Structure formats: C-alpha cells, structure tokens
Amino acid sequence: MRRHEFQPGRLIAGLALLTAGVLYLLDSTGAADVPWFLVIPITMGGLSLAALAGMTTYAVRRDRRDRISESRDG
C-alpha cells in the first residue's frame, strides 16, 4: 500500500461525525436520552476544529517546503 501524508483535519472531522452518529444511534435505540440540540454543536465544533487543524497543517507544510527550496537555491 502506498504511503500517504497524515491529515489531522480529516481525522478530527471523522471523529466528530462518528461521535454525533453514535449519540444519535444511542438515542434512537433508547440506550441514552440525548437532547437533539447536542448533536449540532458537536458536529459544528468538530468541523471547526478540523478546519483549524487542516489550515495549520497546510501552513506548516508550506513553510517547510519553502525552507527546503530556499536552502537548495541559495
């Protein structure tokens, strides 16, 4: 399998949506009494954190790539 770069934003988004889905599943089966308005902040907060992590990762990788190209050029 070909290696790929780690993308923490996608991991955070997946975990947030998985958490919201599990909470919805627990509520629908009657195993837990989850208020309906709890899922929206979990989803939006998780997606916001994922966006922040994705932008940070992109900025760090771009800076590292620019430093390597500058050291090769001059």
PDB file of N, CA and C in Angstrom:
ATOM      1  N   MET A   1       0.852  -1.182   0.000  1.00  0.00           N
ATOM      2  CA  MET A   1       0.000   0.000   0.000  1.00  0.00           C
ATOM      3  C   MET A   1       0.890   1.235   0.000  1.00  0.00           C
ATOM      4  N   ARG A   2       0.532   2.179  -0.814  1.00  0.00           N
ATOM      5  CA  ARG A   2       1.312   3.404  -0.925  1.00  0.00           C
ATOM      6  C   ARG A   2       1.113   4.274   0.312  1.00  0.00           C
ATOM      7  N   ARG A   3       2.189   4.849   0.822  1.00  0.00           N
ATOM      8  CA  ARG A   3       2.102   5.708   1.994  1.00  0.00           C
ATOM      9  C   ARG A   3       1.561   7.076   1.597  1.00  0.00           C
ATOM     10  N   HIS A   4       0.826   7.665   2.482  1.00  0.00           N
ATOM     11  CA  HIS A   4       0.291   9.000   2.241  1.00  0.00           C
ATOM     12  C   HIS A   4       0.564   9.842   3.466  1.00  0.00           C
ATOM     13  N   GLU A   5       0.466  11.139   3.297  1.00  0.00           N
ATOM     14  CA  GLU A   5       0.758  12.022   4.419  1.00  0.00           C
ATOM     15  C   GLU A   5      -0.429  12.063   5.387  1.00  0.00           C
ATOM     16  N   PHE A   6      -0.089  12.216   6.657  1.00  0.00           N
ATOM     17  CA  PHE A   6      -1.081  12.263   7.717  1.00  0.00           C
ATOM     18  C   PHE A   6      -1.852  13.576   7.630  1.00  0.00           C
ATOM     19  N   GLN A   7      -3.171  13.498   7.696  1.00  0.00           N
ATOM     20  CA  GLN A   7      -4.015  14.685   7.633  1.00  0.00           C
ATOM     21  C   GLN A   7      -4.886  14.741   8.884  1.00  0.00           C
ATOM     22  N   PRO A   8      -4.433  15.495   9.907  1.00  0.00           N
ATOM     23  CA  PRO A   8      -5.161  15.512  11.172  1.00  0.00           C
ATOM     24  C   PRO A   8      -6.546  16.147  11.073  1.00  0.00           C
ATOM     25  N   GLY A   9      -6.759  17.053  10.142  1.00  0.00           N
ATOM     26  CA  GLY A   9      -8.073  17.662   9.980  1.00  0.00           C
ATOM     27  C   GLY A   9      -9.133  16.641   9.614  1.00  0.00           C
ATOM     28  N   ARG A  10      -8.791  15.741   8.738  1.00  0.00           N
ATOM     29  CA  ARG A  10      -9.738  14.691   8.346  1.00  0.00           C
ATOM     30  C   ARG A  10     -10.004  13.734   9.498  1.00  0.00           C
ATOM     31  N   LEU A  11      -8.984  13.460  10.299  1.00  0.00           N
ATOM     32  CA  LEU A  11      -9.175  12.599  11.459  1.00  0.00           C
ATOM     33  C   LEU A  11     -10.136  13.244  12.457  1.00  0.00           C
ATOM     34  N   ILE A  12      -9.960  14.516  12.738  1.00  0.00           N
ATOM     35  CA  ILE A  12     -10.828  15.221  13.684  1.00  0.00           C
ATOM     36  C   ILE A  12     -12.259  15.284  13.167  1.00  0.00           C
ATOM     37  N   ALA A  13     -12.415  15.576  11.880  1.00  0.00           N
ATOM     38  CA  ALA A  13     -13.757  15.637  11.295  1.00  0.00           C
ATOM     39  C   ALA A  13     -14.435  14.274  11.377  1.00  0.00           C
ATOM     40  N   GLY A  14     -13.705  13.218  11.081  1.00  0.00           N
ATOM     41  CA  GLY A  14     -14.271  11.881  11.153  1.00  0.00           C
ATOM     42  C   GLY A  14     -14.676  11.499  12.562  1.00  0.00           C
ATOM     43  N   LEU A  15     -13.841  11.826  13.534  1.00  0.00           N
ATOM     44  CA  LEU A  15     -14.162  11.507  14.923  1.00  0.00           C
ATOM     45  C   LEU A  15     -15.377  12.294  15.415  1.00  0.00           C
ATOM     46  N   ALA A  16     -15.472  13.558  15.024  1.00  0.00           N
ATOM     47  CA  ALA A  16     -16.621  14.364  15.442  1.00  0.00           C
ATOM     48  C   ALA A  16     -17.917  13.830  14.840  1.00  0.00           C
ATOM     49  N   LEU A  17     -17.893  13.494  13.569  1.00  0.00           N
ATOM     50  CA  LEU A  17     -19.094  12.962  12.930  1.00  0.00           C
ATOM     51  C   LEU A  17     -19.431  11.563  13.441  1.00  0.00           C
ATOM     52  N   LEU A  18     -18.401  10.773  13.736  1.00  0.00           N
ATOM     53  CA  LEU A  18     -18.637   9.460  14.316  1.00  0.00           C
ATOM     54  C   LEU A  18     -19.273   9.582  15.697  1.00  0.00           C
ATOM     55  N   THR A  19     -18.803  10.532  16.496  1.00  0.00           N
ATOM     56  CA  THR A  19     -19.387  10.763  17.822  1.00  0.00           C
ATOM     57  C   THR A  19     -20.847  11.188  17.705  1.00  0.00           C
ATOM     58  N   ALA A  20     -21.134  12.097  16.796  1.00  0.00           N
ATOM     59  CA  ALA A  20     -22.519  12.527  16.602  1.00  0.00           C
ATOM     60  C   ALA A  20     -23.390  11.362  16.143  1.00  0.00           C
ATOM     61  N   GLY A  21     -22.866  10.522  15.267  1.00  0.00           N
ATOM     62  CA  GLY A  21     -23.625   9.364  14.800  1.00  0.00           C
ATOM     63  C   GLY A  21     -23.889   8.347  15.893  1.00  0.00           C
ATOM     64  N   VAL A  22     -22.892   8.103  16.731  1.00  0.00           N
ATOM     65  CA  VAL A  22     -23.068   7.160  17.839  1.00  0.00           C
ATOM     66  C   VAL A  22     -24.082   7.702  18.836  1.00  0.00           C
ATOM     67  N   LEU A  23     -24.022   9.001  19.133  1.00  0.00           N
ATOM     68  CA  LEU A  23     -25.000   9.591  20.042  1.00  0.00           C
ATOM     69  C   LEU A  23     -26.416   9.481  19.468  1.00  0.00           C
ATOM     70  N   TYR A  24     -26.555   9.715  18.177  1.00  0.00           N
ATOM     71  CA  TYR A  24     -27.858   9.584  17.534  1.00  0.00           C
ATOM     72  C   TYR A  24     -28.346   8.138  17.598  1.00  0.00           C
ATOM     73  N   LEU A  25     -27.442   7.195  17.360  1.00  0.00           N
ATOM     74  CA  LEU A  25     -27.801   5.780  17.417  1.00  0.00           C
ATOM     75  C   LEU A  25     -28.229   5.375  18.829  1.00  0.00           C
ATOM     76  N   LEU A  26     -27.483   5.817  19.833  1.00  0.00           N
ATOM     77  CA  LEU A  26     -27.852   5.505  21.215  1.00  0.00           C
ATOM     78  C   LEU A  26     -29.205   6.100  21.584  1.00  0.00           C
ATOM     79  N   ASP A  27     -29.462   7.295  21.098  1.00  0.00           N
ATOM     80  CA  ASP A  27     -30.746   7.932  21.383  1.00  0.00           C
ATOM     81  C   ASP A  27     -31.891   7.209  20.677  1.00  0.00           C
ATOM     82  N   SER A  28     -31.665   6.808  19.450  1.00  0.00           N
ATOM     83  CA  SER A  28     -32.751   6.160  18.709  1.00  0.00           C
ATOM     84  C   SER A  28     -33.064   4.763  19.229  1.00  0.00           C
ATOM     85  N   THR A  29     -32.080   4.092  19.811  1.00  0.00           N
ATOM     86  CA  THR A  29     -32.345   2.763  20.369  1.00  0.00           C
ATOM     87  C   THR A  29     -32.881   2.824  21.794  1.00  0.00           C
ATOM     88  N   GLY A  30     -32.837   3.995  22.405  1.00  0.00           N
ATOM     89  CA  GLY A  30     -33.336   4.150  23.759  1.00  0.00           C
ATOM     90  C   GLY A  30     -32.299   3.882  24.832  1.00  0.00           C
ATOM     91  N   ALA A  31     -31.054   3.644  24.435  1.00  0.00           N
ATOM     92  CA  ALA A  31     -29.996   3.357  25.397  1.00  0.00           C
ATOM     93  C   ALA A  31     -29.545   4.614  26.142  1.00  0.00           C
ATOM     94  N   ALA A  32     -29.783   5.777  25.564  1.00  0.00           N
ATOM     95  CA  ALA A  32     -29.407   7.039  26.202  1.00  0.00           C
ATOM     96  C   ALA A  32     -30.442   8.087  25.823  1.00  0.00           C
ATOM     97  N   ASP A  33     -30.572   9.077  26.677  1.00  0.00           N
ATOM     98  CA  ASP A  33     -31.502  10.168  26.394  1.00  0.00           C
ATOM     99  C   ASP A  33     -30.674  11.412  26.069  1.00  0.00           C
ATOM    100  N   VAL A  34     -30.363  11.562  24.789  1.00  0.00           N
ATOM    101  CA  VAL A  34     -29.521  12.662  24.322  1.00  0.00           C
ATOM    102  C   VAL A  34     -30.424  13.767  23.780  1.00  0.00           C
ATOM    103  N   PRO A  35     -30.270  15.003  24.268  1.00  0.00           N
ATOM    104  CA  PRO A  35     -31.060  16.096  23.700  1.00  0.00           C
ATOM    105  C   PRO A  35     -30.706  16.299  22.224  1.00  0.00           C
ATOM    106  N   TRP A  36     -31.705  16.600  21.430  1.00  0.00           N
ATOM    107  CA  TRP A  36     -31.478  16.731  19.991  1.00  0.00           C
ATOM    108  C   TRP A  36     -30.540  17.875  19.652  1.00  0.00           C
ATOM    109  N   PHE A  37     -30.532  18.917  20.492  1.00  0.00           N
ATOM    110  CA  PHE A  37     -29.702  20.077  20.184  1.00  0.00           C
ATOM    111  C   PHE A  37     -28.241  19.881  20.578  1.00  0.00           C
ATOM    112  N   LEU A  38     -27.873  18.741  21.129  1.00  0.00           N
ATOM    113  CA  LEU A  38     -26.484  18.470  21.489  1.00  0.00           C
ATOM    114  C   LEU A  38     -25.662  18.056  20.268  1.00  0.00           C
ATOM    115  N   VAL A  39     -26.303  17.446  19.291  1.00  0.00           N
ATOM    116  CA  VAL A  39     -25.591  16.923  18.128  1.00  0.00           C
ATOM    117  C   VAL A  39     -25.065  18.063  17.246  1.00  0.00           C
ATOM    118  N   ILE A  40     -25.800  19.133  17.122  1.00  0.00           N
ATOM    119  CA  ILE A  40     -25.382  20.239  16.251  1.00  0.00           C
ATOM    120  C   ILE A  40     -24.098  20.904  16.745  1.00  0.00           C
ATOM    121  N   PRO A  41     -23.970  21.261  18.038  1.00  0.00           N
ATOM    122  CA  PRO A  41     -22.695  21.840  18.481  1.00  0.00           C
ATOM    123  C   PRO A  41     -21.512  20.875  18.376  1.00  0.00           C
ATOM    124  N   ILE A  42     -21.762  19.583  18.612  1.00  0.00           N
ATOM    125  CA  ILE A  42     -20.676  18.611  18.467  1.00  0.00           C
ATOM    126  C   ILE A  42     -20.201  18.571  17.016  1.00  0.00           C
ATOM    127  N   THR A  43     -21.150  18.528  16.085  1.00  0.00           N
ATOM    128  CA  THR A  43     -20.791  18.478  14.664  1.00  0.00           C
ATOM    129  C   THR A  43     -20.107  19.761  14.216  1.00  0.00           C
ATOM    130  N   MET A  44     -20.677  20.907  14.551  1.00  0.00           N
ATOM    131  CA  MET A  44     -20.092  22.175  14.115  1.00  0.00           C
ATOM    132  C   MET A  44     -18.744  22.439  14.797  1.00  0.00           C
ATOM    133  N   GLY A  45     -18.653  22.117  16.076  1.00  0.00           N
ATOM    134  CA  GLY A  45     -17.383  22.284  16.777  1.00  0.00           C
ATOM    135  C   GLY A  45     -16.303  21.385  16.210  1.00  0.00           C
ATOM    136  N   GLY A  46     -16.664  20.145  15.925  1.00  0.00           N
ATOM    137  CA  GLY A  46     -15.699  19.222  15.336  1.00  0.00           C
ATOM    138  C   GLY A  46     -15.241  19.650  13.959  1.00  0.00           C
ATOM    139  N   LEU A  47     -16.182  20.125  13.148  1.00  0.00           N
ATOM    140  CA  LEU A  47     -15.800  20.585  11.810  1.00  0.00           C
ATOM    141  C   LEU A  47     -14.961  21.859  11.875  1.00  0.00           C
ATOM    142  N   SER A  48     -15.238  22.723  12.848  1.00  0.00           N
ATOM    143  CA  SER A  48     -14.425  23.929  13.024  1.00  0.00           C
ATOM    144  C   SER A  48     -13.008  23.569  13.465  1.00  0.00           C
ATOM    145  N   LEU A  49     -12.890  22.644  14.400  1.00  0.00           N
ATOM    146  CA  LEU A  49     -11.561  22.197  14.824  1.00  0.00           C
ATOM    147  C   LEU A  49     -10.817  21.515  13.679  1.00  0.00           C
ATOM    148  N   ALA A  50     -11.547  20.764  12.871  1.00  0.00           N
ATOM    149  CA  ALA A  50     -10.930  20.107  11.725  1.00  0.00           C
ATOM    150  C   ALA A  50     -10.408  21.133  10.719  1.00  0.00           C
ATOM    151  N   ALA A  51     -11.178  22.191  10.492  1.00  0.00           N
ATOM    152  CA  ALA A  51     -10.732  23.240   9.573  1.00  0.00           C
ATOM    153  C   ALA A  51      -9.490  23.936  10.118  1.00  0.00           C
ATOM    154  N   LEU A  52      -9.471  24.217  11.410  1.00  0.00           N
ATOM    155  CA  LEU A  52      -8.311  24.856  12.021  1.00  0.00           C
ATOM    156  C   LEU A  52      -7.081  23.951  11.932  1.00  0.00           C
ATOM    157  N   ALA A  53      -7.258  22.674  12.204  1.00  0.00           N
ATOM    158  CA  ALA A  53      -6.139  21.735  12.111  1.00  0.00           C
ATOM    159  C   ALA A  53      -5.653  21.604  10.671  1.00  0.00           C
ATOM    160  N   GLY A  54      -6.572  21.591   9.718  1.00  0.00           N
ATOM    161  CA  GLY A  54      -6.192  21.499   8.309  1.00  0.00           C
ATOM    162  C   GLY A  54      -5.420  22.723   7.840  1.00  0.00           C
ATOM    163  N   MET A  55      -5.869  23.907   8.247  1.00  0.00           N
ATOM    164  CA  MET A  55      -5.158  25.127   7.861  1.00  0.00           C
ATOM    165  C   MET A  55      -3.779  25.198   8.515  1.00  0.00           C
ATOM    166  N   THR A  56      -3.692  24.777   9.769  1.00  0.00           N
ATOM    167  CA  THR A  56      -2.407  24.773  10.454  1.00  0.00           C
ATOM    168  C   THR A  56      -1.441  23.787   9.803  1.00  0.00           C
ATOM    169  N   THR A  57      -1.932  22.610   9.492  1.00  0.00           N
ATOM    170  CA  THR A  57      -1.100  21.606   8.832  1.00  0.00           C
ATOM    171  C   THR A  57      -0.614  22.103   7.486  1.00  0.00           C
ATOM    172  N   TYR A  58      -1.495  22.724   6.724  1.00  0.00           N
ATOM    173  CA  TYR A  58      -1.109  23.261   5.415  1.00  0.00           C
ATOM    174  C   TYR A  58      -0.043  24.344   5.556  1.00  0.00           C
ATOM    175  N   ALA A  59      -0.213  25.231   6.543  1.00  0.00           N
ATOM    176  CA  ALA A  59       0.758  26.317   6.732  1.00  0.00           C
ATOM    177  C   ALA A  59       2.124  25.768   7.135  1.00  0.00           C
ATOM    178  N   VAL A  60       2.140  24.777   8.003  1.00  0.00           N
ATOM    179  CA  VAL A  60       3.417  24.203   8.441  1.00  0.00           C
ATOM    180  C   VAL A  60       4.108  23.498   7.288  1.00  0.00           C
ATOM    181  N   ARG A  61       3.348  22.733   6.526  1.00  0.00           N
ATOM    182  CA  ARG A  61       3.957  22.016   5.395  1.00  0.00           C
ATOM    183  C   ARG A  61       4.424  22.963   4.305  1.00  0.00           C
ATOM    184  N   ARG A  62       3.685  24.040   4.059  1.00  0.00           N
ATOM    185  CA  ARG A  62       4.100  25.023   3.064  1.00  0.00           C
ATOM    186  C   ARG A  62       5.383  25.722   3.503  1.00  0.00           C
ATOM    187  N   ASP A  63       5.451  26.079   4.791  1.00  0.00           N
ATOM    188  CA  ASP A  63       6.652  26.733   5.312  1.00  0.00           C
ATOM    189  C   ASP A  63       7.854  25.805   5.218  1.00  0.00           C
ATOM    190  N   ARG A  64       7.656  24.551   5.563  1.00  0.00           N
ATOM    191  CA  ARG A  64       8.760  23.585   5.491  1.00  0.00           C
ATOM    192  C   ARG A  64       9.213  23.393   4.052  1.00  0.00           C
ATOM    193  N   ARG A  65       8.256  23.323   3.118  1.00  0.00           N
ATOM    194  CA  ARG A  65       8.593  23.161   1.707  1.00  0.00           C
ATOM    195  C   ARG A  65       9.347  24.377   1.186  1.00  0.00           C
ATOM    196  N   ASP A  66       8.938  25.585   1.602  1.00  0.00           N
ATOM    197  CA  ASP A  66       9.616  26.801   1.169  1.00  0.00           C
ATOM    198  C   ASP A  66      11.026  26.876   1.728  1.00  0.00           C
ATOM    199  N   ARG A  67      11.215  26.459   2.961  1.00  0.00           N
ATOM    200  CA  ARG A  67      12.562  26.479   3.547  1.00  0.00           C
ATOM    201  C   ARG A  67      13.489  25.509   2.827  1.00  0.00           C
ATOM    202  N   ILE A  68      12.988  24.344   2.465  1.00  0.00           N
ATOM    203  CA  ILE A  68      13.819  23.378   1.745  1.00  0.00           C
ATOM    204  C   ILE A  68      14.188  23.917   0.380  1.00  0.00           C
ATOM    205  N   SER A  69      13.235  24.522  -0.325  1.00  0.00           N
ATOM    206  CA  SER A  69      13.532  25.048  -1.663  1.00  0.00           C
ATOM    207  C   SER A  69      14.493  26.229  -1.592  1.00  0.00           C
ATOM    208  N   GLU A  70      14.411  27.054  -0.535  1.00  0.00           N
ATOM    209  CA  GLU A  70      15.351  28.168  -0.385  1.00  0.00           C
ATOM    210  C   GLU A  70      16.757  27.679  -0.091  1.00  0.00           C
ATOM    211  N   SER A  71      16.884  26.617   0.701  1.00  0.00           N
ATOM    212  CA  SER A  71      18.207  26.112   1.024  1.00  0.00           C
ATOM    213  C   SER A  71      18.856  25.458  -0.196  1.00  0.00           C
ATOM    214  N   ARG A  72      18.069  24.908  -1.096  1.00  0.00           N
ATOM    215  CA  ARG A  72      18.625  24.328  -2.318  1.00  0.00           C
ATOM    216  C   ARG A  72      19.023  25.389  -3.324  1.00  0.00           C
ATOM    217  N   ASP A  73      18.259  26.503  -3.351  1.00  0.00           N
ATOM    218  CA  ASP A  73      18.543  27.543  -4.336  1.00  0.00           C
ATOM    219  C   ASP A  73      19.738  28.408  -3.961  1.00  0.00           C
ATOM    220  N   GLY A  74      19.901  28.642  -2.713  1.00  0.00           N
ATOM    221  CA  GLY A  74      20.956  29.613  -2.404  1.00  0.00           C
ATOM    222  C   GLY A  74      21.675  29.270  -1.222  1.00  0.00           C
TER     223      GLY A  74
END
